[in-house]
Amino acid sequence: MEVYNRTIDVDGEPDVTFSSNRIALDYTTGGATVVLGTGVDYSIDLVTTTGGIDVDVQNDARVGNVSLTAVTGGIDLTLNSDVNITGDVQIDLETSTGGINADVTLPVGVEGSFVAATSTGGVSVSAPGWTAVLLNHYETPNYDTASNRVTITAQAATGGISANLY
C-alpha cells in the first residue's frame, strides 16, 4: 500500500485486514498492489477513493470472489493459468474515473465469461478461442456447462477497458 504522508496525517493509517481468507481494504487515497501466493483460498475486496489497484494472482494461489473498486484511479488485474479455481468465481472490476486492464489466462478445466461496459471510453478485447456473445461480452465454448468457471465484469464510467483473455 502506497500512501502519501499528508494522506496519513489527514485520514490515518490504511487498514488492511485478512480474516476468514478474505483480504479487505477501504481507504481514501493511495495505491494498492496485491500479489497472491499459495496456501490460502483468497477472496479480495479492495476499495480506494483516489489511487490505483494492481492485483497479480499467480503461483498456485487459490482464488475466490474478487471485487476491485477505484473511484478515481485505474485497475490492473493479472490472473495466470497456474492459479487454483474451484466452483464459480466472480471477479468485479469497477472504476468511476480511470482505466481497467485485465490479463486473464484461465487454468485448464476452467471456463470463463467477460463483460465490459464504459460510459466514456473504448473497450478493446483480445480473446482468441473465446466467442463474442454480444457487444463486449465474450465466453469460452463450455462456459454454460462448466463446473469451474470465472465470470468477470469490468465497468468504467470514464475510462477505457482493455482485456487479453486466454
Foldseek 3Di string as FASTA:
>chain_A
DADDPVQCVVPNDWDWDADPQETETEEEEDEEEAEDEDDTEHEYAYEYAYYEYEYEYDHQHHYAEYEYEYAAYEYEYEADQNYHFFFEYEYEAEYAHYEYEYEYEHHPQEWEKEAEDEQAEEEAEAAPQWDCPDVRITIHPCNVPGRTYYYYYHYYHHYYYYYYYD
